[in-house]
């Protein structure tokens, strides 16, 4: 009887240790996955260290509603004739021809995972983002649900020019905010890197 009780106690100790080790392993792996999902290993160079022609890896934090809700306002056009969706007085910009009205010509503000602002034309025309937008139409989710579905993409971003004294807004229902400057850049080779 004493021997059976001793084996039973050892068995409980074994099960307790095994359970504890499993919990530690699960916590460690899911925590590292959550960190990787929230912030990929991309560090954006400080804007003051960038120059025209630089190509960097830009980890951008997005929700699919960003395809329609992000806007900038400025009268400045880029060398490629890309422009903000609104003029400096925040009235909608009217394209002079069909090419100027295409998504590839509209600049919108996007933030990197480490909080650097870039102005990028046609981001959601990238194949991986077009697919995400098809799979996850913003109208299907509430604002809170959409925020829970935040994801990151890492793109090659070619720095093209600096835009100064412009306005941004982060949704159609928010007020405009003034910005002093940010780099405009075109993207390619976008890949999902989180979410």
N, C-alpha and C. Protein backbone atom coordinates (compact mmCIF):
# COMPACT_ATOMS: atom_id res chain seq x y z
N UNK A 1 0.82 -1.19 0.00
CA UNK A 1 0.00 0.00 0.00
C UNK A 1 0.86 1.26 0.00
N UNK A 2 1.90 1.28 0.84
CA UNK A 2 2.79 2.42 0.88
C UNK A 2 3.50 2.59 -0.44
N UNK A 3 3.94 1.47 -1.05
CA UNK A 3 4.64 1.50 -2.32
C UNK A 3 3.73 2.05 -3.44
N UNK A 4 2.49 1.67 -3.48
CA UNK A 4 1.55 2.16 -4.48
C UNK A 4 1.34 3.67 -4.35
N UNK A 5 1.23 4.14 -3.12
CA UNK A 5 1.06 5.56 -2.88
C UNK A 5 2.29 6.34 -3.35
N UNK A 6 3.49 5.77 -3.15
CA UNK A 6 4.73 6.41 -3.57
C UNK A 6 4.80 6.50 -5.10
N UNK A 7 4.43 5.45 -5.79
CA UNK A 7 4.41 5.48 -7.25
C UNK A 7 3.39 6.50 -7.75
N UNK A 8 2.27 6.54 -7.11
CA UNK A 8 1.24 7.49 -7.50
C UNK A 8 1.74 8.93 -7.34
N UNK A 9 2.44 9.20 -6.24
CA UNK A 9 2.99 10.53 -6.01
C UNK A 9 4.03 10.86 -7.07
N UNK A 10 4.89 9.93 -7.42
CA UNK A 10 5.90 10.14 -8.46
C UNK A 10 5.23 10.40 -9.81
N UNK A 11 4.14 9.66 -10.04
CA UNK A 11 3.42 9.87 -11.29
C UNK A 11 2.85 11.29 -11.35
N UNK A 12 2.29 11.77 -10.22
CA UNK A 12 1.76 13.12 -10.18
C UNK A 12 2.86 14.15 -10.37
N UNK A 13 3.99 13.92 -9.78
CA UNK A 13 5.12 14.84 -9.96
C UNK A 13 5.54 14.85 -11.43
N UNK A 14 5.64 13.68 -12.04
CA UNK A 14 6.00 13.58 -13.45
C UNK A 14 4.99 14.34 -14.32
N UNK A 15 3.70 14.11 -14.05
CA UNK A 15 2.66 14.81 -14.84
C UNK A 15 2.72 16.32 -14.62
N UNK A 16 2.96 16.72 -13.39
CA UNK A 16 3.06 18.14 -13.09
C UNK A 16 4.22 18.80 -13.81
N UNK A 17 5.38 18.16 -13.78
CA UNK A 17 6.56 18.69 -14.46
C UNK A 17 6.34 18.72 -15.96
N UNK A 18 5.78 17.66 -16.51
CA UNK A 18 5.50 17.60 -17.95
C UNK A 18 4.53 18.70 -18.37
N UNK A 19 3.49 18.90 -17.59
CA UNK A 19 2.51 19.94 -17.89
C UNK A 19 3.16 21.32 -17.82
N UNK A 20 3.96 21.55 -16.81
CA UNK A 20 4.64 22.83 -16.67
C UNK A 20 5.58 23.08 -17.84
N UNK A 21 6.34 22.06 -18.24
CA UNK A 21 7.26 22.22 -19.37
C UNK A 21 6.48 22.48 -20.66
N UNK A 22 5.36 21.81 -20.84
CA UNK A 22 4.52 22.04 -22.03
C UNK A 22 3.99 23.46 -22.06
N UNK A 23 3.54 23.94 -20.90
CA UNK A 23 3.01 25.31 -20.83
C UNK A 23 4.10 26.33 -21.14
N UNK A 24 5.29 26.12 -20.59
CA UNK A 24 6.41 27.02 -20.86
C UNK A 24 6.75 27.01 -22.35
N UNK A 25 6.79 25.82 -22.96
CA UNK A 25 7.10 25.70 -24.39
C UNK A 25 6.03 26.43 -25.23
N UNK A 26 4.75 26.19 -24.93
CA UNK A 26 3.68 26.83 -25.68
C UNK A 26 3.74 28.35 -25.53
N UNK A 27 3.98 28.82 -24.32
CA UNK A 27 4.07 30.26 -24.10
C UNK A 27 5.22 30.86 -24.89
N UNK A 28 6.37 30.19 -24.84
CA UNK A 28 7.55 30.70 -25.55
C UNK A 28 7.33 30.73 -27.05
N UNK A 29 6.76 29.67 -27.61
CA UNK A 29 6.59 29.64 -29.07
C UNK A 29 5.48 30.57 -29.52
N UNK A 30 4.36 30.61 -28.80
CA UNK A 30 3.29 31.50 -29.24
C UNK A 30 3.66 32.96 -29.00
N UNK A 31 4.40 33.25 -27.95
CA UNK A 31 4.84 34.63 -27.71
C UNK A 31 5.77 35.10 -28.81
N UNK A 32 6.71 34.25 -29.21
CA UNK A 32 7.63 34.65 -30.27
C UNK A 32 6.90 34.79 -31.60
N UNK A 33 5.88 33.95 -31.83
CA UNK A 33 5.09 34.08 -33.06
C UNK A 33 4.29 35.38 -33.03
N UNK A 34 3.73 35.70 -31.85
CA UNK A 34 2.96 36.94 -31.75
C UNK A 34 3.84 38.16 -31.99
N UNK A 35 5.04 38.13 -31.44
CA UNK A 35 5.98 39.24 -31.65
C UNK A 35 6.35 39.33 -33.13
N UNK A 36 6.65 38.18 -33.74
CA UNK A 36 7.00 38.18 -35.17
C UNK A 36 5.83 38.67 -36.01
N UNK A 37 4.60 38.30 -35.61
CA UNK A 37 3.43 38.71 -36.37
C UNK A 37 3.21 40.21 -36.25
N UNK A 38 3.45 40.74 -35.07
CA UNK A 38 3.20 42.15 -34.85
C UNK A 38 4.29 43.04 -35.45
N UNK A 39 5.52 42.55 -35.49
CA UNK A 39 6.61 43.42 -35.95
C UNK A 39 7.70 42.58 -36.60
N UNK A 40 7.77 42.59 -37.92
CA UNK A 40 8.82 41.81 -38.58
C UNK A 40 10.20 42.42 -38.32
N UNK A 41 11.21 41.67 -38.66
CA UNK A 41 12.59 42.10 -38.43
C UNK A 41 13.04 43.09 -39.50
N UNK A 42 12.32 44.18 -39.67
CA UNK A 42 12.68 45.22 -40.63
C UNK A 42 12.82 46.51 -39.85
N UNK A 43 13.97 47.11 -39.94
CA UNK A 43 14.22 48.39 -39.27
C UNK A 43 14.33 49.44 -40.37
N UNK A 44 13.45 50.42 -40.33
CA UNK A 44 13.46 51.47 -41.35
C UNK A 44 14.55 52.48 -41.04
N UNK A 45 15.37 52.81 -42.04
CA UNK A 45 16.37 53.85 -41.81
C UNK A 45 15.69 55.17 -41.45
N UNK A 46 16.29 55.97 -40.60
CA UNK A 46 15.70 57.27 -40.28
C UNK A 46 15.52 58.10 -41.55
N UNK A 47 14.40 58.81 -41.67
CA UNK A 47 14.15 59.60 -42.89
C UNK A 47 15.28 60.55 -43.25
N UNK A 48 15.96 61.13 -42.26
CA UNK A 48 17.03 62.08 -42.56
C UNK A 48 18.28 61.40 -43.11
N UNK A 49 18.33 60.08 -43.07
CA UNK A 49 19.47 59.33 -43.63
C UNK A 49 19.18 58.83 -45.05
N UNK A 50 17.95 59.00 -45.52
CA UNK A 50 17.57 58.53 -46.85
C UNK A 50 17.87 59.59 -47.90
N UNK A 51 18.05 59.12 -49.14
CA UNK A 51 18.22 60.04 -50.26
C UNK A 51 17.54 59.46 -51.49
N UNK A 52 17.28 60.30 -52.46
CA UNK A 52 16.62 59.88 -53.70
C UNK A 52 17.41 58.74 -54.33
N UNK A 53 16.70 57.70 -54.72
CA UNK A 53 17.32 56.54 -55.36
C UNK A 53 17.58 55.38 -54.42
N UNK A 54 17.57 55.63 -53.10
CA UNK A 54 17.75 54.53 -52.15
C UNK A 54 16.63 53.51 -52.31
N UNK A 55 16.97 52.23 -52.15
CA UNK A 55 15.97 51.16 -52.13
C UNK A 55 16.10 50.48 -50.78
N UNK A 56 14.99 50.47 -50.04
CA UNK A 56 15.00 49.91 -48.69
C UNK A 56 13.90 48.86 -48.56
N UNK A 57 14.00 48.03 -47.54
CA UNK A 57 12.91 47.15 -47.15
C UNK A 57 12.02 47.93 -46.21
N UNK A 58 10.75 48.08 -46.56
CA UNK A 58 9.80 48.82 -45.73
C UNK A 58 8.74 47.86 -45.22
N UNK A 59 8.70 47.65 -43.91
CA UNK A 59 7.66 46.85 -43.28
C UNK A 59 6.49 47.75 -42.95
N UNK A 60 5.38 47.59 -43.67
CA UNK A 60 4.22 48.47 -43.52
C UNK A 60 3.12 47.78 -42.72
N UNK A 61 2.51 48.50 -41.81
CA UNK A 61 1.40 47.97 -41.02
C UNK A 61 0.09 48.45 -41.64
N UNK A 62 -0.81 47.49 -41.92
CA UNK A 62 -2.00 47.78 -42.72
C UNK A 62 -3.24 47.04 -42.23
N UNK A 63 -4.38 47.56 -42.61
CA UNK A 63 -5.64 46.82 -42.64
C UNK A 63 -6.20 47.05 -44.04
N UNK A 64 -7.08 46.17 -44.50
CA UNK A 64 -7.55 46.33 -45.88
C UNK A 64 -8.36 47.61 -46.08
N UNK A 65 -8.96 48.15 -45.02
CA UNK A 65 -9.69 49.41 -45.14
C UNK A 65 -8.77 50.56 -45.55
N UNK A 66 -7.47 50.39 -45.34
CA UNK A 66 -6.51 51.42 -45.76
C UNK A 66 -6.54 51.65 -47.27
N UNK A 67 -7.00 50.68 -48.02
CA UNK A 67 -7.07 50.83 -49.48
C UNK A 67 -8.01 51.96 -49.87
N UNK A 68 -8.95 52.30 -48.97
CA UNK A 68 -9.95 53.32 -49.30
C UNK A 68 -9.95 54.51 -48.34
N UNK A 69 -9.38 54.34 -47.14
CA UNK A 69 -9.53 55.36 -46.12
C UNK A 69 -8.37 56.32 -45.95
N UNK A 70 -7.18 55.99 -46.43
CA UNK A 70 -6.01 56.85 -46.22
C UNK A 70 -5.91 57.87 -47.34
N UNK A 71 -5.63 59.11 -46.96
CA UNK A 71 -5.55 60.18 -47.97
C UNK A 71 -4.49 61.19 -47.60
N UNK A 72 -4.00 61.86 -48.63
CA UNK A 72 -3.14 63.03 -48.41
C UNK A 72 -3.66 64.18 -49.27
N UNK A 73 -3.25 65.38 -48.90
CA UNK A 73 -3.68 66.58 -49.62
C UNK A 73 -2.47 67.47 -49.89
N UNK A 74 -2.25 67.74 -51.19
CA UNK A 74 -1.13 68.58 -51.61
C UNK A 74 -1.33 68.94 -53.08
N UNK A 75 -0.74 70.05 -53.49
CA UNK A 75 -0.77 70.43 -54.90
C UNK A 75 0.44 69.89 -55.66
N UNK A 76 1.39 69.31 -54.96
CA UNK A 76 2.62 68.82 -55.58
C UNK A 76 2.40 67.49 -56.27
N UNK A 77 2.98 67.35 -57.47
CA UNK A 77 2.98 66.08 -58.19
C UNK A 77 4.40 65.53 -58.18
N UNK A 78 4.51 64.21 -58.25
CA UNK A 78 5.84 63.60 -58.32
C UNK A 78 6.35 63.64 -59.75
N UNK A 79 7.59 63.22 -59.95
CA UNK A 79 8.18 63.16 -61.29
C UNK A 79 7.38 62.21 -62.18
N UNK A 80 6.72 61.21 -61.57
CA UNK A 80 5.91 60.25 -62.34
C UNK A 80 4.46 60.70 -62.46
N UNK A 81 4.17 61.95 -62.12
CA UNK A 81 2.82 62.51 -62.14
C UNK A 81 1.88 61.88 -61.12
N UNK A 82 2.42 61.21 -60.10
CA UNK A 82 1.57 60.73 -59.01
C UNK A 82 1.23 61.93 -58.13
N UNK A 83 0.11 61.85 -57.44
CA UNK A 83 -0.37 62.98 -56.66
C UNK A 83 -1.27 62.47 -55.54
N UNK A 84 -1.47 63.35 -54.56
CA UNK A 84 -2.43 63.04 -53.49
C UNK A 84 -3.84 63.04 -54.07
N UNK A 85 -4.76 62.42 -53.37
CA UNK A 85 -6.15 62.37 -53.82
C UNK A 85 -6.89 63.68 -53.62
N UNK A 86 -6.26 64.61 -52.89
CA UNK A 86 -6.88 65.90 -52.62
C UNK A 86 -5.86 67.00 -52.85
N UNK A 87 -6.35 68.18 -53.26
CA UNK A 87 -5.42 69.30 -53.41
C UNK A 87 -5.15 69.92 -52.05
N UNK A 88 -4.32 70.94 -52.00
CA UNK A 88 -3.90 71.53 -50.72
C UNK A 88 -5.07 72.10 -49.92
N UNK A 89 -6.17 72.44 -50.60
CA UNK A 89 -7.36 72.94 -49.91
C UNK A 89 -8.29 71.81 -49.48
N UNK A 90 -7.84 70.58 -49.62
CA UNK A 90 -8.56 69.34 -49.25
C UNK A 90 -9.84 69.11 -50.04
N UNK A 91 -9.88 69.63 -51.26
CA UNK A 91 -10.98 69.26 -52.15
C UNK A 91 -10.47 68.15 -53.06
N UNK A 92 -11.35 67.23 -53.44
CA UNK A 92 -10.89 66.09 -54.26
C UNK A 92 -10.17 66.55 -55.53
N UNK A 93 -9.06 65.89 -55.79
CA UNK A 93 -8.27 66.19 -56.99
C UNK A 93 -8.98 65.63 -58.20
N UNK A 94 -9.07 66.41 -59.27
CA UNK A 94 -9.74 65.95 -60.50
C UNK A 94 -8.68 65.61 -61.54
N UNK A 95 -8.65 64.34 -61.98
CA UNK A 95 -7.66 63.96 -62.99
C UNK A 95 -7.90 64.67 -64.31
N UNK A 96 -6.80 65.01 -64.97
CA UNK A 96 -6.89 65.67 -66.27
C UNK A 96 -7.09 64.67 -67.39
N UNK A 97 -6.70 63.42 -67.13
CA UNK A 97 -6.90 62.36 -68.13
C UNK A 97 -7.08 61.03 -67.41
N UNK A 98 -7.39 59.99 -68.15
CA UNK A 98 -7.68 58.67 -67.57
C UNK A 98 -6.49 58.10 -66.80
N UNK A 99 -5.28 58.29 -67.32
CA UNK A 99 -4.08 57.74 -66.66
C UNK A 99 -3.89 58.35 -65.27
N UNK A 100 -4.22 59.63 -65.11
CA UNK A 100 -4.03 60.29 -63.82
C UNK A 100 -5.04 59.84 -62.78
N UNK A 101 -6.12 59.20 -63.21
CA UNK A 101 -7.14 58.73 -62.28
C UNK A 101 -6.93 57.31 -61.81
N UNK A 102 -5.91 56.63 -62.32
CA UNK A 102 -5.66 55.24 -61.94
C UNK A 102 -5.08 55.16 -60.53
N UNK A 103 -5.34 54.04 -59.82
CA UNK A 103 -4.81 53.89 -58.46
C UNK A 103 -3.29 54.03 -58.39
N UNK A 104 -2.58 53.65 -59.44
CA UNK A 104 -1.12 53.76 -59.45
C UNK A 104 -0.64 55.20 -59.41
N UNK A 105 -1.55 56.14 -59.70
CA UNK A 105 -1.20 57.56 -59.70
C UNK A 105 -1.58 58.26 -58.40
N UNK A 106 -2.31 57.58 -57.52
CA UNK A 106 -2.76 58.22 -56.28
C UNK A 106 -1.85 57.88 -55.11
N UNK A 107 -1.30 58.90 -54.51
CA UNK A 107 -0.44 58.74 -53.34
C UNK A 107 -1.31 58.65 -52.09
N UNK A 108 -0.92 57.78 -51.17
CA UNK A 108 -1.58 57.71 -49.85
C UNK A 108 -0.51 57.53 -48.79
N UNK A 109 -0.80 57.94 -47.56
CA UNK A 109 0.18 57.82 -46.47
C UNK A 109 0.12 56.43 -45.81
N UNK A 110 1.27 55.86 -45.55
CA UNK A 110 1.36 54.57 -44.87
C UNK A 110 2.46 54.64 -43.82
N UNK A 111 2.25 53.92 -42.72
CA UNK A 111 3.23 53.89 -41.64
C UNK A 111 3.95 52.54 -41.63
N UNK A 112 5.25 52.60 -41.35
CA UNK A 112 6.01 51.36 -41.17
C UNK A 112 5.75 50.84 -39.75
N UNK A 113 6.14 49.61 -39.51
CA UNK A 113 5.95 49.02 -38.19
C UNK A 113 6.74 49.77 -37.12
N UNK A 114 7.78 50.50 -37.53
CA UNK A 114 8.52 51.29 -36.55
C UNK A 114 8.22 52.78 -36.68
N UNK A 115 6.99 53.08 -37.19
CA UNK A 115 6.41 54.42 -37.13
C UNK A 115 7.10 55.47 -38.00
N UNK A 116 7.47 55.09 -39.22
CA UNK A 116 8.00 56.04 -40.19
C UNK A 116 6.95 56.20 -41.29
N UNK A 117 6.63 57.44 -41.61
CA UNK A 117 5.62 57.74 -42.63
C UNK A 117 6.24 57.76 -44.02
N UNK A 118 5.58 57.05 -44.96
CA UNK A 118 5.93 57.13 -46.37
C UNK A 118 4.66 57.41 -47.16
N UNK A 119 4.81 58.10 -48.27
CA UNK A 119 3.72 58.36 -49.20
C UNK A 119 3.95 57.46 -50.41
N UNK A 120 2.97 56.58 -50.67
CA UNK A 120 3.18 55.54 -51.68
C UNK A 120 2.00 55.54 -52.65
N UNK A 121 2.28 55.61 -53.96
CA UNK A 121 1.19 55.51 -54.93
C UNK A 121 0.86 54.04 -55.22
N UNK A 122 -0.43 53.74 -55.29
CA UNK A 122 -0.89 52.43 -55.76
C UNK A 122 -0.46 51.23 -54.94
N UNK A 123 -0.29 51.37 -53.63
CA UNK A 123 0.18 50.24 -52.83
C UNK A 123 -0.72 49.02 -52.99
N UNK A 124 -2.03 49.22 -52.95
CA UNK A 124 -2.95 48.09 -53.01
C UNK A 124 -3.12 47.52 -54.42
N UNK A 125 -2.31 47.98 -55.38
CA UNK A 125 -2.28 47.32 -56.70
C UNK A 125 -1.24 46.20 -56.70
N UNK A 126 -0.43 46.11 -55.63
CA UNK A 126 0.54 45.01 -55.52
C UNK A 126 -0.23 43.69 -55.39
N UNK A 127 0.20 42.63 -56.10
CA UNK A 127 -0.57 41.37 -56.13
C UNK A 127 -0.96 40.83 -54.76
N UNK A 128 -0.04 40.82 -53.81
CA UNK A 128 -0.35 40.24 -52.50
C UNK A 128 -1.42 41.06 -51.78
N UNK A 129 -1.45 42.37 -52.02
CA UNK A 129 -2.44 43.22 -51.37
C UNK A 129 -3.78 43.19 -52.11
N UNK A 130 -3.74 43.07 -53.42
CA UNK A 130 -4.99 42.89 -54.18
C UNK A 130 -5.71 41.63 -53.71
N UNK A 131 -4.94 40.55 -53.50
CA UNK A 131 -5.51 39.27 -53.04
C UNK A 131 -6.08 39.43 -51.64
N UNK A 132 -5.34 40.08 -50.75
CA UNK A 132 -5.82 40.28 -49.37
C UNK A 132 -7.11 41.09 -49.37
N UNK A 133 -7.18 42.09 -50.22
CA UNK A 133 -8.37 42.93 -50.31
C UNK A 133 -9.57 42.13 -50.82
N UNK A 134 -9.34 41.25 -51.78
CA UNK A 134 -10.42 40.38 -52.27
C UNK A 134 -10.89 39.42 -51.18
N UNK A 135 -9.95 38.85 -50.43
CA UNK A 135 -10.28 37.87 -49.39
C UNK A 135 -10.88 38.52 -48.15
N UNK A 136 -10.60 39.78 -47.93
CA UNK A 136 -10.98 40.46 -46.69
C UNK A 136 -11.55 41.84 -46.98
N UNK A 137 -12.70 41.90 -47.67
CA UNK A 137 -13.27 43.21 -47.99
C UNK A 137 -13.63 43.97 -46.71
N UNK A 138 -13.23 45.24 -46.61
CA UNK A 138 -13.45 46.01 -45.38
C UNK A 138 -14.90 46.08 -44.93
N UNK A 139 -15.84 46.10 -45.87
CA UNK A 139 -17.25 46.23 -45.50
C UNK A 139 -17.76 45.03 -44.71
N UNK A 140 -17.01 43.95 -44.74
CA UNK A 140 -17.42 42.72 -44.05
C UNK A 140 -17.17 42.78 -42.54
N UNK A 141 -16.39 43.75 -42.07
CA UNK A 141 -15.95 43.80 -40.68
C UNK A 141 -16.27 45.13 -40.03
N UNK A 142 -16.45 45.11 -38.71
CA UNK A 142 -16.55 46.35 -37.95
C UNK A 142 -15.16 46.95 -37.84
N UNK A 143 -15.10 48.19 -37.39
CA UNK A 143 -13.80 48.86 -37.23
C UNK A 143 -12.91 48.08 -36.26
N UNK A 144 -13.50 47.58 -35.17
CA UNK A 144 -12.73 46.82 -34.17
C UNK A 144 -12.24 45.49 -34.75
N UNK A 145 -13.13 44.80 -35.47
CA UNK A 145 -12.73 43.54 -36.10
C UNK A 145 -11.63 43.77 -37.13
N UNK A 146 -11.73 44.85 -37.87
CA UNK A 146 -10.72 45.16 -38.88
C UNK A 146 -9.38 45.40 -38.20
N UNK A 147 -9.37 46.12 -37.09
CA UNK A 147 -8.12 46.39 -36.39
C UNK A 147 -7.49 45.10 -35.87
N UNK A 148 -8.31 44.13 -35.47
CA UNK A 148 -7.80 42.83 -35.02
C UNK A 148 -7.16 42.07 -36.18
N UNK A 149 -7.52 42.42 -37.40
CA UNK A 149 -7.00 41.73 -38.58
C UNK A 149 -5.81 42.47 -39.19
N UNK A 150 -5.23 43.41 -38.43
CA UNK A 150 -4.07 44.16 -38.90
C UNK A 150 -2.96 43.20 -39.31
N UNK A 151 -2.26 43.54 -40.38
CA UNK A 151 -1.19 42.69 -40.89
C UNK A 151 -0.03 43.55 -41.35
N UNK A 152 1.07 42.91 -41.67
CA UNK A 152 2.22 43.65 -42.18
C UNK A 152 2.67 43.06 -43.51
N UNK A 153 3.14 43.94 -44.37
CA UNK A 153 3.80 43.53 -45.61
C UNK A 153 5.17 44.18 -45.64
N UNK A 154 6.10 43.50 -46.22
CA UNK A 154 7.42 44.09 -46.43
C UNK A 154 7.62 44.22 -47.93
N UNK A 155 7.91 45.43 -48.36
CA UNK A 155 8.07 45.75 -49.78
C UNK A 155 9.44 46.38 -50.01
N UNK A 156 9.93 46.24 -51.22
CA UNK A 156 11.07 47.04 -51.66
C UNK A 156 10.51 48.43 -51.97
N UNK A 157 11.05 49.44 -51.33
CA UNK A 157 10.58 50.80 -51.54
C UNK A 157 11.72 51.62 -52.12
N UNK A 158 11.46 52.20 -53.28
CA UNK A 158 12.46 53.08 -53.92
C UNK A 158 12.11 54.52 -53.59
N UNK A 159 13.02 55.19 -52.91
CA UNK A 159 12.83 56.58 -52.50
C UNK A 159 12.92 57.48 -53.74
N UNK A 160 11.86 58.28 -53.97
CA UNK A 160 11.82 59.07 -55.21
C UNK A 160 11.91 60.57 -54.99
N UNK A 161 11.23 61.08 -53.99
CA UNK A 161 11.33 62.51 -53.71
C UNK A 161 10.73 62.81 -52.35
N UNK A 162 11.03 63.99 -51.85
CA UNK A 162 10.48 64.41 -50.56
C UNK A 162 9.31 65.35 -50.82
N UNK A 163 8.21 65.10 -50.14
CA UNK A 163 7.05 65.98 -50.22
C UNK A 163 7.01 66.80 -48.93
N UNK A 164 6.81 68.11 -49.08
CA UNK A 164 6.80 68.99 -47.91
C UNK A 164 5.47 69.70 -47.78
N UNK A 165 5.13 70.01 -46.53
CA UNK A 165 3.92 70.77 -46.19
C UNK A 165 2.68 70.19 -46.87
N UNK A 166 2.20 69.10 -46.33
CA UNK A 166 1.01 68.44 -46.85
C UNK A 166 0.13 68.01 -45.68
N UNK A 167 -1.04 67.49 -45.99
CA UNK A 167 -1.97 67.03 -44.97
C UNK A 167 -2.22 65.53 -45.16
N UNK A 168 -2.55 64.85 -44.05
CA UNK A 168 -2.93 63.43 -44.12
C UNK A 168 -4.18 63.22 -43.27
N UNK A 169 -4.89 62.17 -43.61
CA UNK A 169 -5.94 61.67 -42.72
C UNK A 169 -5.95 60.16 -42.83
N UNK A 170 -6.33 59.52 -41.72
CA UNK A 170 -6.20 58.07 -41.60
C UNK A 170 -7.52 57.34 -41.82
N UNK A 171 -8.60 58.07 -42.03
CA UNK A 171 -9.88 57.50 -42.47
C UNK A 171 -10.72 58.65 -43.00
N UNK A 172 -11.74 58.31 -43.78
CA UNK A 172 -12.58 59.34 -44.39
C UNK A 172 -13.35 60.16 -43.36
N UNK A 173 -13.52 59.61 -42.15
CA UNK A 173 -14.29 60.31 -41.13
C UNK A 173 -13.41 61.13 -40.18
N UNK A 174 -12.10 61.06 -40.33
CA UNK A 174 -11.21 61.80 -39.45
C UNK A 174 -10.84 63.16 -40.03
N UNK A 175 -10.45 64.10 -39.16
CA UNK A 175 -10.00 65.41 -39.67
C UNK A 175 -8.60 65.30 -40.28
N UNK A 176 -8.26 66.29 -41.06
CA UNK A 176 -6.93 66.36 -41.67
C UNK A 176 -5.91 66.80 -40.63
N UNK A 177 -4.69 66.28 -40.76
CA UNK A 177 -3.59 66.70 -39.90
C UNK A 177 -2.43 67.17 -40.77
N UNK A 178 -1.73 68.21 -40.31
CA UNK A 178 -0.61 68.77 -41.07
C UNK A 178 0.67 67.95 -40.85
N UNK A 179 1.44 67.79 -41.90
CA UNK A 179 2.75 67.14 -41.83
C UNK A 179 3.78 68.05 -42.50
N UNK A 180 4.98 68.05 -41.95
CA UNK A 180 6.04 68.89 -42.51
C UNK A 180 6.67 68.27 -43.74
N UNK A 181 7.01 66.97 -43.65
CA UNK A 181 7.64 66.33 -44.80
C UNK A 181 7.61 64.82 -44.64
N UNK A 182 7.72 64.14 -45.79
CA UNK A 182 7.84 62.68 -45.83
C UNK A 182 8.35 62.30 -47.21
N UNK A 183 8.95 61.13 -47.28
CA UNK A 183 9.43 60.63 -48.56
C UNK A 183 8.30 59.97 -49.34
N UNK A 184 8.30 60.22 -50.64
CA UNK A 184 7.43 59.51 -51.57
C UNK A 184 8.26 58.39 -52.17
N UNK A 185 7.68 57.20 -52.26
CA UNK A 185 8.43 56.09 -52.85
C UNK A 185 7.52 55.09 -53.52
N UNK A 186 8.03 54.45 -54.55
CA UNK A 186 7.28 53.39 -55.23
C UNK A 186 7.69 52.04 -54.65
N UNK A 187 6.77 51.09 -54.66
CA UNK A 187 7.05 49.78 -54.06
C UNK A 187 6.98 48.67 -55.10
N UNK A 188 7.66 47.58 -54.76
CA UNK A 188 7.62 46.36 -55.57
C UNK A 188 7.91 45.19 -54.64
N UNK A 189 7.70 43.98 -55.15
CA UNK A 189 8.03 42.75 -54.41
C UNK A 189 7.47 42.73 -52.99
N UNK A 190 6.22 43.11 -52.83
CA UNK A 190 5.60 43.09 -51.50
C UNK A 190 5.29 41.66 -51.09
N UNK A 191 5.60 41.33 -49.84
CA UNK A 191 5.34 39.99 -49.28
C UNK A 191 4.71 40.13 -47.92
N UNK A 192 3.76 39.23 -47.61
CA UNK A 192 3.18 39.20 -46.27
C UNK A 192 4.26 38.77 -45.29
N UNK A 193 4.41 39.53 -44.23
CA UNK A 193 5.41 39.18 -43.22
C UNK A 193 4.81 39.13 -41.82
N UNK A 194 3.52 39.29 -41.70
CA UNK A 194 2.86 39.19 -40.41
C UNK A 194 1.37 39.33 -40.54
N UNK A 195 0.63 38.52 -39.76
CA UNK A 195 -0.83 38.58 -39.78
C UNK A 195 -1.36 37.79 -40.90
